[in-house]
Amino acid sequence: MADRIRLDAVELKVTMSPGQARRVGIWDAAAGNGVMRKLWFCEQAGASSAALPLLDAGVILRLRETGDRSADTTARVRPCRRSLLSGYLHASGHEAESAHVDVEADWSADRRVMAVSMTESHPPGSVRRVLSTGGPPDSLFTAAQRRFLTACADRATPFGSLTAFGPVHARWWPELMWSRMPLSVERWVATASSGARLDVVELSRRVDRQGAEIAQLALESGLHRCGVDPADCDQIPKTRRFLELFTAQP
């Protein structure tokens, strides 16, 4: 199980505006409308754009529905301390659960962090049913996900006082060829109750740890050749940007 801690999976990420994506030819490479999904993110009750207690502690709780086909919840810790992850993976009784833990390094520009997550599937429509009835979103997170967060996060997760923010309307192209390299592309769009709107595109590529620097350079060089400097792209993580949108005071 020690091999699960090695950072041999790296996800390269570049976030940009739809206009920048158009400029570099992403929409020319994207076939069809992509996979339609809806996302919600949970935060502690009373959170605001100036104070996002869970996110500030590196805890991300995501609810997701893919049309009428599937639903899932993800508990993620980013960044995650290696010592906490090691303790969880080697703890007695966690052997089966650890098979569902995804360990990767997130690289965005100069920011490199370890991200660890556990995703659990639910029957289609589960997320909408819980949220439409005003039910607590914590009921969608499994006991295994709670144990994972207890072991790997730096702070306790107040499951009894969570609020779900969203939805974010997402379109996902899992694999397209751009500049002779495979990319995953996701576009997130949301409108807050105030009328403020956010529209973000993320390019990502999952590569082996060995050679990740070369792959990142190839991605950034490809953007440069198409007229977009990655340094001009807003690299604030998209989860934070959308939670700030939903929690901004009117």
Protein backbone atom coordinates (compact mmCIF):
# COMPACT_ATOMS: atom_id res chain seq x y z
CA MET A 1 0.00 0.00 0.00
CA ALA A 2 2.98 2.31 0.35
CA ASP A 3 3.04 2.64 -3.44
CA ARG A 4 -0.25 4.53 -3.24
CA ILE A 5 1.58 7.47 -1.67
CA ARG A 6 4.08 7.93 -4.46
CA LEU A 7 3.23 10.94 -6.59
CA ASP A 8 3.53 9.19 -9.91
CA ALA A 9 0.28 10.72 -11.20
CA VAL A 10 0.35 14.42 -12.03
CA GLU A 11 -2.57 16.48 -13.31
CA LEU A 12 -1.46 19.55 -15.23
CA LYS A 13 -4.01 22.37 -15.17
CA VAL A 14 -4.46 25.71 -16.89
CA THR A 15 -7.56 27.81 -16.21
CA MET A 16 -8.65 30.46 -18.69
CA SER A 17 -11.58 32.47 -19.96
CA PRO A 18 -13.82 31.19 -22.80
CA GLY A 19 -12.34 33.90 -25.02
CA GLN A 20 -8.82 32.68 -24.37
CA ALA A 21 -9.95 29.11 -25.05
CA ARG A 22 -11.40 30.26 -28.36
CA ARG A 23 -8.19 32.06 -29.24
CA VAL A 24 -6.07 28.94 -28.82
CA GLY A 25 -8.52 26.77 -30.78
CA ILE A 26 -9.99 24.64 -28.00
CA TRP A 27 -13.52 24.89 -29.36
CA ASP A 28 -12.32 23.85 -32.80
CA ALA A 29 -10.93 20.66 -31.27
CA ALA A 30 -13.96 19.96 -29.05
CA ALA A 31 -16.49 17.69 -30.75
CA GLY A 32 -20.15 18.04 -29.84
CA ASN A 33 -21.57 19.60 -26.70
CA GLY A 34 -19.57 17.56 -24.23
CA VAL A 35 -20.94 15.72 -21.21
CA MET A 36 -23.44 17.86 -19.29
CA ARG A 37 -23.06 17.86 -15.50
CA LYS A 38 -24.29 19.85 -12.50
CA LEU A 39 -22.08 20.48 -9.49
CA TRP A 40 -22.65 21.77 -5.97
CA PHE A 41 -20.04 22.46 -3.31
CA CYS A 42 -20.61 22.26 0.43
CA GLU A 43 -19.30 24.76 2.93
CA GLN A 44 -19.82 25.39 6.60
CA ALA A 45 -23.04 27.23 7.38
CA GLY A 46 -22.42 30.97 7.52
CA ALA A 47 -19.53 30.90 5.06
CA SER A 48 -18.82 34.05 3.09
CA SER A 49 -16.51 35.00 0.25
CA ALA A 50 -14.14 36.39 2.88
CA ALA A 51 -14.24 33.25 5.03
CA LEU A 52 -14.60 29.77 3.57
CA PRO A 53 -13.62 27.62 6.58
CA LEU A 54 -13.59 24.22 4.88
CA LEU A 55 -11.92 25.35 1.67
CA ASP A 56 -9.38 27.40 3.61
CA ALA A 57 -8.51 24.20 5.50
CA GLY A 58 -8.08 22.31 2.22
CA VAL A 59 -11.37 20.37 2.39
CA ILE A 60 -13.55 20.20 -0.74
CA LEU A 61 -16.95 18.50 -0.67
CA ARG A 62 -18.52 18.15 -4.11
CA LEU A 63 -21.92 16.86 -5.19
CA ARG A 64 -22.30 15.96 -8.87
CA GLU A 65 -25.02 14.76 -11.22
CA THR A 66 -24.49 13.70 -14.82
CA GLY A 67 -27.95 14.09 -16.35
CA ASP A 68 -30.17 11.17 -15.41
CA ARG A 69 -27.30 8.73 -15.72
CA SER A 70 -25.29 8.98 -12.51
CA ALA A 71 -24.66 10.87 -9.31
CA ASP A 72 -21.66 10.95 -7.01
CA THR A 73 -20.05 12.76 -4.12
CA THR A 74 -16.37 13.53 -3.71
CA ALA A 75 -14.45 14.31 -0.54
CA ARG A 76 -11.10 15.87 -1.39
CA VAL A 77 -8.19 17.18 0.67
CA ARG A 78 -5.93 19.63 -1.18
CA PRO A 79 -3.24 20.08 -0.14
CA CYS A 80 -2.93 16.87 1.84
CA ARG A 81 -0.09 16.16 4.24
CA ARG A 82 1.82 13.03 3.31
CA SER A 83 2.10 11.94 6.95
CA LEU A 84 -1.69 12.00 7.43
CA LEU A 85 -2.32 10.11 4.20
CA SER A 86 0.27 7.49 5.11
CA GLY A 87 -1.34 6.97 8.51
CA TYR A 88 -4.76 6.51 6.91
CA LEU A 89 -3.62 4.10 4.20
CA HIS A 90 -1.75 1.92 6.66
CA ALA A 91 -4.37 1.93 9.41
CA SER A 92 -5.96 -1.42 10.19
CA GLY A 93 -9.38 -1.79 8.58
CA HIS A 94 -8.83 0.76 5.82
CA GLU A 95 -7.44 -1.64 3.24
CA ALA A 96 -10.63 -1.91 1.19
CA GLU A 97 -11.43 1.80 1.47
CA SER A 98 -7.98 2.88 0.36
CA ALA A 99 -8.60 1.27 -3.04
CA HIS A 100 -11.07 4.10 -3.68
CA VAL A 101 -8.58 6.85 -2.79
CA ASP A 102 -7.11 8.79 -5.70
CA VAL A 103 -3.70 10.35 -5.04
CA GLU A 104 -2.32 12.89 -7.49
CA ALA A 105 -0.21 16.00 -7.72
CA ASP A 106 -2.02 19.08 -9.00
CA TRP A 107 0.26 21.36 -11.00
CA SER A 108 -0.96 24.78 -12.05
CA ALA A 109 1.77 27.21 -13.13
CA ASP A 110 4.27 27.18 -10.23
CA ARG A 111 1.76 25.82 -7.70
CA ARG A 112 2.27 22.12 -6.97
CA VAL A 113 0.24 20.37 -4.27
CA MET A 114 -0.77 16.84 -3.37
CA ALA A 115 -4.50 16.24 -3.76
CA VAL A 116 -6.23 13.17 -2.35
CA SER A 117 -9.87 12.30 -2.91
CA MET A 118 -12.50 9.63 -2.41
CA THR A 119 -15.52 9.48 -4.72
CA GLU A 120 -18.64 7.42 -4.00
CA SER A 121 -21.44 6.68 -6.48
CA HIS A 122 -25.14 7.18 -5.74
CA PRO A 123 -28.34 6.30 -7.62
CA PRO A 124 -29.22 8.77 -10.41
CA GLY A 125 -31.15 11.76 -9.12
CA SER A 126 -29.97 11.34 -5.52
CA VAL A 127 -28.37 14.77 -5.26
CA ARG A 128 -31.37 16.60 -6.71
CA ARG A 129 -33.80 14.75 -4.46
CA VAL A 130 -31.90 15.61 -1.30
CA LEU A 131 -31.36 19.26 -2.23
CA SER A 132 -34.90 19.83 -3.54
CA THR A 133 -36.43 18.68 -0.25
CA GLY A 134 -34.11 20.83 1.81
CA GLY A 135 -32.45 17.75 3.23
CA PRO A 136 -29.00 18.06 4.76
CA PRO A 137 -26.30 17.47 2.14
CA ASP A 138 -24.23 15.55 4.69
CA SER A 139 -26.54 12.54 4.16
CA LEU A 140 -24.89 12.07 0.74
CA PHE A 141 -21.42 11.46 2.19
CA THR A 142 -20.65 7.89 3.19
CA ALA A 143 -19.09 6.59 6.38
CA ALA A 144 -15.94 5.74 4.40
CA GLN A 145 -15.65 9.32 3.15
CA ARG A 146 -16.06 10.63 6.69
CA ARG A 147 -13.33 8.35 7.99
CA PHE A 148 -11.10 9.48 5.13
CA LEU A 149 -11.61 13.16 6.02
CA THR A 150 -11.14 12.53 9.73
CA ALA A 151 -7.78 10.92 9.03
CA CYS A 152 -6.45 13.14 6.23
CA ALA A 153 -7.78 16.66 6.84
CA ASP A 154 -6.21 19.16 9.22
CA ARG A 155 -9.56 20.08 10.75
CA ALA A 156 -12.80 18.32 11.63
CA THR A 157 -15.57 18.54 9.05
CA PRO A 158 -18.84 19.84 10.60
CA PHE A 159 -21.16 17.52 8.68
CA GLY A 160 -24.13 18.63 10.74
CA SER A 161 -23.87 22.25 9.60
CA LEU A 162 -23.19 22.14 5.88
CA THR A 163 -24.73 24.29 3.15
CA ALA A 164 -24.68 23.27 -0.52
CA PHE A 165 -23.87 26.06 -2.99
CA GLY A 166 -24.68 25.82 -6.68
CA PRO A 167 -25.45 24.63 -9.16
CA VAL A 168 -22.47 25.03 -11.44
CA HIS A 169 -23.41 24.01 -14.98
CA ALA A 170 -20.50 22.06 -16.42
CA ARG A 171 -19.64 20.70 -19.83
CA TRP A 172 -16.86 18.14 -19.98
CA TRP A 173 -14.88 16.87 -22.93
CA PRO A 174 -12.89 13.98 -21.40
CA GLU A 175 -10.46 13.55 -24.26
CA LEU A 176 -9.66 15.75 -27.23
CA MET A 177 -6.53 16.28 -29.28
CA TRP A 178 -5.10 19.77 -29.27
CA SER A 179 -1.66 20.79 -30.50
CA ARG A 180 -0.80 17.09 -30.85
CA MET A 181 -1.48 16.33 -27.19
CA PRO A 182 -4.50 14.78 -25.41
CA LEU A 183 -6.39 17.13 -23.13
CA SER A 184 -9.44 17.02 -20.91
CA VAL A 185 -11.48 20.23 -21.09
CA GLU A 186 -14.16 21.39 -18.69
CA ARG A 187 -16.24 24.56 -18.80
CA TRP A 188 -18.00 25.78 -15.66
CA VAL A 189 -20.75 28.42 -15.76
CA ALA A 190 -22.80 29.74 -12.84
CA THR A 191 -24.94 32.73 -11.94
CA ALA A 192 -25.29 33.92 -8.35
CA SER A 193 -28.54 35.20 -6.84
CA SER A 194 -27.11 38.71 -7.22
CA GLY A 195 -26.92 38.21 -10.98
CA ALA A 196 -23.12 37.99 -11.02
CA ARG A 197 -21.92 35.40 -13.51
CA LEU A 198 -18.74 33.35 -13.81
CA ASP A 199 -17.62 31.38 -16.87
CA VAL A 200 -14.34 29.44 -16.61
CA VAL A 201 -12.56 26.90 -18.81
CA GLU A 202 -9.98 24.46 -17.48
CA LEU A 203 -7.54 22.49 -19.60
CA SER A 204 -6.01 19.49 -17.88
CA ARG A 205 -3.74 16.61 -18.74
CA ARG A 206 -2.97 13.62 -16.53
CA VAL A 207 0.60 12.37 -16.95
CA ASP A 208 3.14 10.18 -15.19
CA ARG A 209 5.37 11.83 -12.62
CA GLN A 210 8.41 11.07 -14.72
CA GLY A 211 8.46 13.61 -17.51
CA ALA A 212 5.75 15.81 -15.99
CA GLU A 213 7.93 18.93 -16.25
CA ILE A 214 8.40 18.33 -19.98
CA ALA A 215 4.65 17.78 -20.45
CA GLN A 216 3.85 21.00 -18.58
CA LEU A 217 6.34 22.92 -20.70
CA ALA A 218 4.79 21.47 -23.87
CA LEU A 219 1.31 22.57 -22.77
CA GLU A 220 2.42 26.08 -21.88
CA SER A 221 4.49 26.39 -25.08
CA GLY A 222 1.48 25.34 -27.14
CA LEU A 223 -0.59 28.10 -25.56
CA HIS A 224 2.15 30.63 -26.26
CA ARG A 225 2.25 29.62 -29.92
CA CYS A 226 -1.49 30.21 -30.16
CA GLY A 227 -1.25 33.68 -28.67
CA VAL A 228 -2.13 33.11 -25.00
CA ASP A 229 0.47 33.57 -22.27
CA PRO A 230 -0.38 31.23 -19.35
CA ALA A 231 0.87 33.99 -17.03
CA ASP A 232 -2.10 36.08 -18.21
CA CYS A 233 -4.58 33.36 -17.20
CA ASP A 234 -6.24 33.55 -13.78
CA GLN A 235 -4.92 30.48 -11.96
CA ILE A 236 -6.99 30.85 -8.79
CA PRO A 237 -8.51 27.36 -8.35
CA LYS A 238 -11.94 27.26 -9.94
CA THR A 239 -13.60 25.74 -6.85
CA ARG A 240 -12.58 28.78 -4.81
CA ARG A 241 -13.74 31.20 -7.49
CA PHE A 242 -17.19 29.64 -7.66
CA LEU A 243 -17.63 29.37 -3.90
CA GLU A 244 -16.67 33.04 -3.62
CA LEU A 245 -19.27 33.83 -6.28
CA PHE A 246 -22.05 32.01 -4.43
CA THR A 247 -21.14 33.33 -0.97
CA ALA A 248 -20.50 36.98 -1.89
CA GLN A 249 -22.57 39.41 0.12
CA PRO A 250 -25.10 41.43 -1.95
